[in-house]
């Protein structure tokens, strides 16, 4: 199965936040997401993507375009340790 790799710089309350349009695109294309944080990696299946939650309902505006998005949060549970 194909997957999309997302690198996050920080966690919010132990959660990795991913933009809603990225999550929706992966669901539509039947792709999993691999979240990389420091030396850790977490895999998110399609089921995980569909069962997400949001800390905030605020819409953010992109710095580079007129695109508005919300953040979808996933509890960060690493699959394995990096090297």
PDB file of N, CA and C in Angstrom:
ATOM      1  N   UNK A   1       0.835  -1.186   0.000  1.00  0.00           N
ATOM      2  CA  UNK A   1       0.000   0.000   0.000  1.00  0.00           C
ATOM      3  C   UNK A   1       0.877   1.244   0.000  1.00  0.00           C
ATOM      4  N   UNK A   2       0.472   2.236  -0.735  1.00  0.00           N
ATOM      5  CA  UNK A   2       1.211   3.486  -0.794  1.00  0.00           C
ATOM      6  C   UNK A   2       0.970   4.291   0.478  1.00  0.00           C
ATOM      7  N   UNK A   3       1.950   5.136   0.796  1.00  0.00           N
ATOM      8  CA  UNK A   3       1.766   5.993   1.970  1.00  0.00           C
ATOM      9  C   UNK A   3       2.372   7.363   1.716  1.00  0.00           C
ATOM     10  N   UNK A   4       1.889   8.329   2.460  1.00  0.00           N
ATOM     11  CA  UNK A   4       2.402   9.699   2.396  1.00  0.00           C
ATOM     12  C   UNK A   4       3.194   9.938   3.671  1.00  0.00           C
ATOM     13  N   UNK A   5       4.345  10.549   3.539  1.00  0.00           N
ATOM     14  CA  UNK A   5       5.199  10.829   4.692  1.00  0.00           C
ATOM     15  C   UNK A   5       5.007  12.282   5.107  1.00  0.00           C
ATOM     16  N   UNK A   6       4.702  12.471   6.388  1.00  0.00           N
ATOM     17  CA  UNK A   6       4.520  13.799   6.968  1.00  0.00           C
ATOM     18  C   UNK A   6       5.544  13.959   8.083  1.00  0.00           C
ATOM     19  N   UNK A   7       6.296  15.062   8.061  1.00  0.00           N
ATOM     20  CA  UNK A   7       7.243  15.351   9.132  1.00  0.00           C
ATOM     21  C   UNK A   7       6.660  16.456  10.002  1.00  0.00           C
ATOM     22  N   UNK A   8       6.626  16.210  11.316  1.00  0.00           N
ATOM     23  CA  UNK A   8       6.138  17.228  12.236  1.00  0.00           C
ATOM     24  C   UNK A   8       7.288  17.686  13.123  1.00  0.00           C
ATOM     25  N   UNK A   9       7.309  18.983  13.435  1.00  0.00           N
ATOM     26  CA  UNK A   9       8.394  19.555  14.236  1.00  0.00           C
ATOM     27  C   UNK A   9       8.092  19.515  15.719  1.00  0.00           C
ATOM     28  N   UNK A  10       6.790  19.538  16.067  1.00  0.00           N
ATOM     29  CA  UNK A  10       6.431  19.511  17.484  1.00  0.00           C
ATOM     30  C   UNK A  10       5.081  18.831  17.649  1.00  0.00           C
ATOM     31  N   UNK A  11       4.825  18.402  18.884  1.00  0.00           N
ATOM     32  CA  UNK A  11       3.559  17.772  19.232  1.00  0.00           C
ATOM     33  C   UNK A  11       2.762  18.738  20.102  1.00  0.00           C
ATOM     34  N   UNK A  12       1.452  18.696  19.997  1.00  0.00           N
ATOM     35  CA  UNK A  12       0.574  19.519  20.816  1.00  0.00           C
ATOM     36  C   UNK A  12      -0.200  18.583  21.738  1.00  0.00           C
ATOM     37  N   UNK A  13       0.041  18.669  23.037  1.00  0.00           N
ATOM     38  CA  UNK A  13      -0.589  17.769  24.018  1.00  0.00           C
ATOM     39  C   UNK A  13      -0.393  16.300  23.650  1.00  0.00           C
ATOM     40  N   UNK A  14       0.790  15.975  23.130  1.00  0.00           N
ATOM     41  CA  UNK A  14       1.094  14.593  22.767  1.00  0.00           C
ATOM     42  C   UNK A  14       0.494  14.154  21.450  1.00  0.00           C
ATOM     43  N   UNK A  15      -0.007  15.098  20.665  1.00  0.00           N
ATOM     44  CA  UNK A  15      -0.648  14.771  19.387  1.00  0.00           C
ATOM     45  C   UNK A  15       0.076  15.422  18.218  1.00  0.00           C
ATOM     46  N   UNK A  16       0.074  14.709  17.107  1.00  0.00           N
ATOM     47  CA  UNK A  16       0.588  15.254  15.851  1.00  0.00           C
ATOM     48  C   UNK A  16      -0.597  15.844  15.095  1.00  0.00           C
ATOM     49  N   UNK A  17      -0.447  17.045  14.586  1.00  0.00           N
ATOM     50  CA  UNK A  17      -1.519  17.721  13.853  1.00  0.00           C
ATOM     51  C   UNK A  17      -1.203  17.723  12.365  1.00  0.00           C
ATOM     52  N   UNK A  18      -2.205  17.335  11.573  1.00  0.00           N
ATOM     53  CA  UNK A  18      -2.057  17.265  10.117  1.00  0.00           C
ATOM     54  C   UNK A  18      -3.200  18.063   9.506  1.00  0.00           C
ATOM     55  N   UNK A  19      -2.915  18.768   8.436  1.00  0.00           N
ATOM     56  CA  UNK A  19      -3.937  19.588   7.779  1.00  0.00           C
ATOM     57  C   UNK A  19      -5.069  18.715   7.239  1.00  0.00           C
ATOM     58  N   UNK A  20      -6.296  19.231   7.347  1.00  0.00           N
ATOM     59  CA  UNK A  20      -7.472  18.439   6.980  1.00  0.00           C
ATOM     60  C   UNK A  20      -7.484  18.019   5.517  1.00  0.00           C
ATOM     61  N   UNK A  21      -7.023  18.879   4.615  1.00  0.00           N
ATOM     62  CA  UNK A  21      -7.059  18.517   3.201  1.00  0.00           C
ATOM     63  C   UNK A  21      -6.052  17.416   2.865  1.00  0.00           C
ATOM     64  N   UNK A  22      -4.962  17.307   3.632  1.00  0.00           N
ATOM     65  CA  UNK A  22      -3.992  16.220   3.431  1.00  0.00           C
ATOM     66  C   UNK A  22      -4.625  14.898   3.864  1.00  0.00           C
ATOM     67  N   UNK A  23      -5.277  14.912   5.022  1.00  0.00           N
ATOM     68  CA  UNK A  23      -5.943  13.705   5.521  1.00  0.00           C
ATOM     69  C   UNK A  23      -7.026  13.258   4.545  1.00  0.00           C
ATOM     70  N   UNK A  24      -7.851  14.196   4.083  1.00  0.00           N
ATOM     71  CA  UNK A  24      -8.939  13.844   3.167  1.00  0.00           C
ATOM     72  C   UNK A  24      -8.413  13.301   1.847  1.00  0.00           C
ATOM     73  N   UNK A  25      -7.341  13.872   1.337  1.00  0.00           N
ATOM     74  CA  UNK A  25      -6.760  13.404   0.074  1.00  0.00           C
ATOM     75  C   UNK A  25      -6.247  11.975   0.227  1.00  0.00           C
ATOM     76  N   UNK A  26      -5.619  11.668   1.364  1.00  0.00           N
ATOM     77  CA  UNK A  26      -5.121  10.307   1.593  1.00  0.00           C
ATOM     78  C   UNK A  26      -6.271   9.319   1.718  1.00  0.00           C
ATOM     79  N   UNK A  27      -7.363   9.716   2.359  1.00  0.00           N
ATOM     80  CA  UNK A  27      -8.539   8.847   2.444  1.00  0.00           C
ATOM     81  C   UNK A  27      -9.096   8.588   1.049  1.00  0.00           C
ATOM     82  N   UNK A  28      -9.227   9.643   0.244  1.00  0.00           N
ATOM     83  CA  UNK A  28      -9.764   9.516  -1.116  1.00  0.00           C
ATOM     84  C   UNK A  28      -8.890   8.635  -1.996  1.00  0.00           C
ATOM     85  N   UNK A  29      -7.560   8.725  -1.816  1.00  0.00           N
ATOM     86  CA  UNK A  29      -6.622   7.951  -2.634  1.00  0.00           C
ATOM     87  C   UNK A  29      -6.251   6.614  -1.988  1.00  0.00           C
ATOM     88  N   UNK A  30      -6.889   6.294  -0.850  1.00  0.00           N
ATOM     89  CA  UNK A  30      -6.636   5.048  -0.125  1.00  0.00           C
ATOM     90  C   UNK A  30      -5.157   4.889   0.240  1.00  0.00           C
ATOM     91  N   UNK A  31      -4.576   5.970   0.752  1.00  0.00           N
ATOM     92  CA  UNK A  31      -3.174   5.984   1.168  1.00  0.00           C
ATOM     93  C   UNK A  31      -3.077   6.080   2.679  1.00  0.00           C
ATOM     94  N   UNK A  32      -2.095   5.393   3.237  1.00  0.00           N
ATOM     95  CA  UNK A  32      -1.793   5.543   4.658  1.00  0.00           C
ATOM     96  C   UNK A  32      -0.854   6.733   4.834  1.00  0.00           C
ATOM     97  N   UNK A  33      -0.699   7.180   6.072  1.00  0.00           N
ATOM     98  CA  UNK A  33       0.222   8.279   6.383  1.00  0.00           C
ATOM     99  C   UNK A  33       1.266   7.777   7.371  1.00  0.00           C
ATOM    100  N   UNK A  34       2.512   8.127   7.123  1.00  0.00           N
ATOM    101  CA  UNK A  34       3.585   7.896   8.089  1.00  0.00           C
ATOM    102  C   UNK A  34       3.972   9.244   8.657  1.00  0.00           C
ATOM    103  N   UNK A  35       3.862   9.382   9.975  1.00  0.00           N
ATOM    104  CA  UNK A  35       4.208  10.627  10.648  1.00  0.00           C
ATOM    105  C   UNK A  35       5.580  10.457  11.279  1.00  0.00           C
ATOM    106  N   UNK A  36       6.516  11.356  10.943  1.00  0.00           N
ATOM    107  CA  UNK A  36       7.865  11.322  11.492  1.00  0.00           C
ATOM    108  C   UNK A  36       8.043  12.496  12.451  1.00  0.00           C
ATOM    109  N   UNK A  37       8.486  12.176  13.663  1.00  0.00           N
ATOM    110  CA  UNK A  37       8.769  13.192  14.673  1.00  0.00           C
ATOM    111  C   UNK A  37      10.078  12.819  15.342  1.00  0.00           C
ATOM    112  N   UNK A  38      11.081  13.677  15.187  1.00  0.00           N
ATOM    113  CA  UNK A  38      12.441  13.416  15.683  1.00  0.00           C
ATOM    114  C   UNK A  38      12.894  12.053  15.165  1.00  0.00           C
ATOM    115  N   UNK A  39      13.242  11.120  16.037  1.00  0.00           N
ATOM    116  CA  UNK A  39      13.687   9.796  15.596  1.00  0.00           C
ATOM    117  C   UNK A  39      12.577   8.762  15.664  1.00  0.00           C
ATOM    118  N   UNK A  40      11.341   9.212  15.747  1.00  0.00           N
ATOM    119  CA  UNK A  40      10.202   8.302  15.894  1.00  0.00           C
ATOM    120  C   UNK A  40       9.321   8.348  14.659  1.00  0.00           C
ATOM    121  N   UNK A  41       8.602   7.227  14.434  1.00  0.00           N
ATOM    122  CA  UNK A  41       7.716   7.127  13.284  1.00  0.00           C
ATOM    123  C   UNK A  41       6.408   6.471  13.733  1.00  0.00           C
ATOM    124  N   UNK A  42       5.296   6.995  13.241  1.00  0.00           N
ATOM    125  CA  UNK A  42       3.984   6.427  13.537  1.00  0.00           C
ATOM    126  C   UNK A  42       3.235   6.235  12.222  1.00  0.00           C
ATOM    127  N   UNK A  43       2.640   5.067  12.060  1.00  0.00           N
ATOM    128  CA  UNK A  43       1.841   4.782  10.867  1.00  0.00           C
ATOM    129  C   UNK A  43       0.366   4.990  11.177  1.00  0.00           C
ATOM    130  N   UNK A  44      -0.333   5.635  10.268  1.00  0.00           N
ATOM    131  CA  UNK A  44      -1.773   5.842  10.395  1.00  0.00           C
ATOM    132  C   UNK A  44      -2.470   5.130   9.246  1.00  0.00           C
ATOM    133  N   UNK A  45      -3.336   4.182   9.566  1.00  0.00           N
ATOM    134  CA  UNK A  45      -4.088   3.462   8.548  1.00  0.00           C
ATOM    135  C   UNK A  45      -5.281   4.302   8.101  1.00  0.00           C
ATOM    136  N   UNK A  46      -5.969   3.828   7.080  1.00  0.00           N
ATOM    137  CA  UNK A  46      -7.165   4.523   6.607  1.00  0.00           C
ATOM    138  C   UNK A  46      -8.192   4.613   7.739  1.00  0.00           C
ATOM    139  N   UNK A  47      -8.320   3.543   8.522  1.00  0.00           N
ATOM    140  CA  UNK A  47      -9.237   3.552   9.663  1.00  0.00           C
ATOM    141  C   UNK A  47      -8.868   4.612  10.684  1.00  0.00           C
ATOM    142  N   UNK A  48      -7.560   4.755  10.953  1.00  0.00           N
ATOM    143  CA  UNK A  48      -7.096   5.793  11.869  1.00  0.00           C
ATOM    144  C   UNK A  48      -7.430   7.185  11.332  1.00  0.00           C
ATOM    145  N   UNK A  49      -7.261   7.363  10.035  1.00  0.00           N
ATOM    146  CA  UNK A  49      -7.527   8.670   9.427  1.00  0.00           C
ATOM    147  C   UNK A  49      -9.005   9.035   9.534  1.00  0.00           C
ATOM    148  N   UNK A  50      -9.872   8.045   9.404  1.00  0.00           N
ATOM    149  CA  UNK A  50     -11.316   8.297   9.478  1.00  0.00           C
ATOM    150  C   UNK A  50     -11.777   8.545  10.911  1.00  0.00           C
ATOM    151  N   UNK A  51     -11.022   8.057  11.905  1.00  0.00           N
ATOM    152  CA  UNK A  51     -11.408   8.197  13.315  1.00  0.00           C
ATOM    153  C   UNK A  51     -10.502   9.186  14.033  1.00  0.00           C
ATOM    154  N   UNK A  52     -10.369  10.363  13.495  1.00  0.00           N
ATOM    155  CA  UNK A  52      -9.497  11.385  14.071  1.00  0.00           C
ATOM    156  C   UNK A  52     -10.314  12.341  14.932  1.00  0.00           C
ATOM    157  N   UNK A  53      -9.628  13.282  15.577  1.00  0.00           N
ATOM    158  CA  UNK A  53     -10.323  14.294  16.373  1.00  0.00           C
ATOM    159  C   UNK A  53      -9.624  15.631  16.223  1.00  0.00           C
ATOM    160  N   UNK A  54     -10.267  16.684  16.717  1.00  0.00           N
ATOM    161  CA  UNK A  54      -9.714  18.034  16.629  1.00  0.00           C
ATOM    162  C   UNK A  54      -9.737  18.683  18.000  1.00  0.00           C
ATOM    163  N   UNK A  55      -8.607  19.286  18.387  1.00  0.00           N
ATOM    164  CA  UNK A  55      -8.567  20.086  19.610  1.00  0.00           C
ATOM    165  C   UNK A  55      -9.284  21.411  19.389  1.00  0.00           C
ATOM    166  N   UNK A  56      -9.076  21.985  18.204  1.00  0.00           N
ATOM    167  CA  UNK A  56      -9.625  23.306  17.901  1.00  0.00           C
ATOM    168  C   UNK A  56     -10.422  23.250  16.604  1.00  0.00           C
ATOM    169  N   UNK A  57     -11.460  24.026  16.534  1.00  0.00           N
ATOM    170  CA  UNK A  57     -12.263  24.119  15.313  1.00  0.00           C
ATOM    171  C   UNK A  57     -11.848  25.316  14.463  1.00  0.00           C
ATOM    172  N   UNK A  58     -10.811  26.024  14.911  1.00  0.00           N
ATOM    173  CA  UNK A  58     -10.342  27.224  14.219  1.00  0.00           C
ATOM    174  C   UNK A  58      -9.858  26.887  12.811  1.00  0.00           C
ATOM    175  N   UNK A  59     -10.155  27.790  11.880  1.00  0.00           N
ATOM    176  CA  UNK A  59      -9.631  27.659  10.520  1.00  0.00           C
ATOM    177  C   UNK A  59      -8.396  28.540  10.395  1.00  0.00           C
ATOM    178  N   UNK A  60      -7.350  27.953   9.847  1.00  0.00           N
ATOM    179  CA  UNK A  60      -6.095  28.668   9.629  1.00  0.00           C
ATOM    180  C   UNK A  60      -5.995  29.045   8.162  1.00  0.00           C
ATOM    181  N   UNK A  61      -5.260  30.115   7.885  1.00  0.00           N
ATOM    182  CA  UNK A  61      -5.039  30.539   6.505  1.00  0.00           C
ATOM    183  C   UNK A  61      -3.581  30.317   6.149  1.00  0.00           C
ATOM    184  N   UNK A  62      -3.352  29.720   4.993  1.00  0.00           N
ATOM    185  CA  UNK A  62      -2.001  29.453   4.523  1.00  0.00           C
ATOM    186  C   UNK A  62      -1.241  30.760   4.311  1.00  0.00           C
ATOM    187  N   UNK A  63       0.043  30.736   4.603  1.00  0.00           N
ATOM    188  CA  UNK A  63       0.884  31.917   4.386  1.00  0.00           C
ATOM    189  C   UNK A  63       1.161  32.146   2.903  1.00  0.00           C
ATOM    190  N   UNK A  64       1.048  31.086   2.122  1.00  0.00           N
ATOM    191  CA  UNK A  64       1.472  31.157   0.727  1.00  0.00           C
ATOM    192  C   UNK A  64       0.328  31.180  -0.283  1.00  0.00           C
ATOM    193  N   UNK A  65      -0.900  30.913   0.173  1.00  0.00           N
ATOM    194  CA  UNK A  65      -2.041  30.949  -0.740  1.00  0.00           C
ATOM    195  C   UNK A  65      -3.282  31.350   0.058  1.00  0.00           C
ATOM    196  N   UNK A  66      -4.390  31.419  -0.606  1.00  0.00           N
ATOM    197  CA  UNK A  66      -5.650  31.791   0.045  1.00  0.00           C
ATOM    198  C   UNK A  66      -6.340  30.586   0.680  1.00  0.00           C
ATOM    199  N   UNK A  67      -5.677  29.448   0.693  1.00  0.00           N
ATOM    200  CA  UNK A  67      -6.251  28.215   1.214  1.00  0.00           C
ATOM    201  C   UNK A  67      -6.468  28.287   2.721  1.00  0.00           C
ATOM    202  N   UNK A  68      -7.654  27.857   3.167  1.00  0.00           N
ATOM    203  CA  UNK A  68      -7.954  27.786   4.594  1.00  0.00           C
ATOM    204  C   UNK A  68      -8.063  26.313   4.974  1.00  0.00           C
ATOM    205  N   UNK A  69      -7.616  25.983   6.175  1.00  0.00           N
ATOM    206  CA  UNK A  69      -7.610  24.588   6.602  1.00  0.00           C
ATOM    207  C   UNK A  69      -7.798  24.486   8.107  1.00  0.00           C
ATOM    208  N   UNK A  70      -8.177  23.292   8.552  1.00  0.00           N
ATOM    209  CA  UNK A  70      -8.239  22.972   9.969  1.00  0.00           C
ATOM    210  C   UNK A  70      -7.187  21.899  10.248  1.00  0.00           C
ATOM    211  N   UNK A  71      -6.807  21.769  11.504  1.00  0.00           N
ATOM    212  CA  UNK A  71      -5.837  20.752  11.882  1.00  0.00           C
ATOM    213  C   UNK A  71      -6.553  19.540  12.470  1.00  0.00           C
ATOM    214  N   UNK A  72      -6.168  18.368  12.001  1.00  0.00           N
ATOM    215  CA  UNK A  72      -6.691  17.105  12.502  1.00  0.00           C
ATOM    216  C   UNK A  72      -5.608  16.509  13.395  1.00  0.00           C
ATOM    217  N   UNK A  73      -5.987  16.074  14.595  1.00  0.00           N
ATOM    218  CA  UNK A  73      -5.014  15.614  15.585  1.00  0.00           C
ATOM    219  C   UNK A  73      -5.046  14.100  15.744  1.00  0.00           C
ATOM    220  N   UNK A  74      -3.850  13.531  15.922  1.00  0.00           N
ATOM    221  CA  UNK A  74      -3.685  12.104  16.147  1.00  0.00           C
ATOM    222  C   UNK A  74      -2.750  11.913  17.331  1.00  0.00           C
ATOM    223  N   UNK A  75      -3.165  11.124  18.309  1.00  0.00           N
ATOM    224  CA  UNK A  75      -2.313  10.817  19.462  1.00  0.00           C
ATOM    225  C   UNK A  75      -1.051  10.154  18.934  1.00  0.00           C
ATOM    226  N   UNK A  76       0.113  10.703  19.293  1.00  0.00           N
ATOM    227  CA  UNK A  76       1.368  10.186  18.747  1.00  0.00           C
ATOM    228  C   UNK A  76       1.795   8.944  19.526  1.00  0.00           C
ATOM    229  N   UNK A  77       1.708   7.816  18.855  1.00  0.00           N
ATOM    230  CA  UNK A  77       2.140   6.528  19.402  1.00  0.00           C
ATOM    231  C   UNK A  77       3.140   5.934  18.415  1.00  0.00           C
ATOM    232  N   UNK A  78       4.437   6.083  18.683  1.00  0.00           N
ATOM    233  CA  UNK A  78       5.439   5.634  17.710  1.00  0.00           C
ATOM    234  C   UNK A  78       5.428   4.120  17.518  1.00  0.00           C
ATOM    235  N   UNK A  79       5.632   3.721  16.237  1.00  0.00           N
ATOM    236  CA  UNK A  79       5.712   2.290  15.889  1.00  0.00           C
ATOM    237  C   UNK A  79       7.068   1.726  16.297  1.00  0.00           C
ATOM    238  N   UNK A  80       8.143   2.502  16.013  1.00  0.00           N
ATOM    239  CA  UNK A  80       9.487   2.005  16.260  1.00  0.00           C
ATOM    240  C   UNK A  80      10.429   3.162  16.529  1.00  0.00           C
ATOM    241  N   UNK A  81      11.573   2.854  17.047  1.00  0.00           N
ATOM    242  CA  UNK A  81      12.594   3.865  17.291  1.00  0.00           C
ATOM    243  C   UNK A  81      13.451   4.035  16.044  1.00  0.00           C
ATOM    244  N   UNK A  82      13.789   5.276  15.741  1.00  0.00           N
ATOM    245  CA  UNK A  82      14.683   5.525  14.619  1.00  0.00           C
ATOM    246  C   UNK A  82      16.107   5.276  15.007  1.00  0.00           C
ATOM    247  N   UNK A  83      16.974   5.362  14.038  1.00  0.00           N
ATOM    248  CA  UNK A  83      18.407   5.116  14.302  1.00  0.00           C
ATOM    249  C   UNK A  83      19.182   6.399  14.283  1.00  0.00           C
TER     250      UNK A  83
END
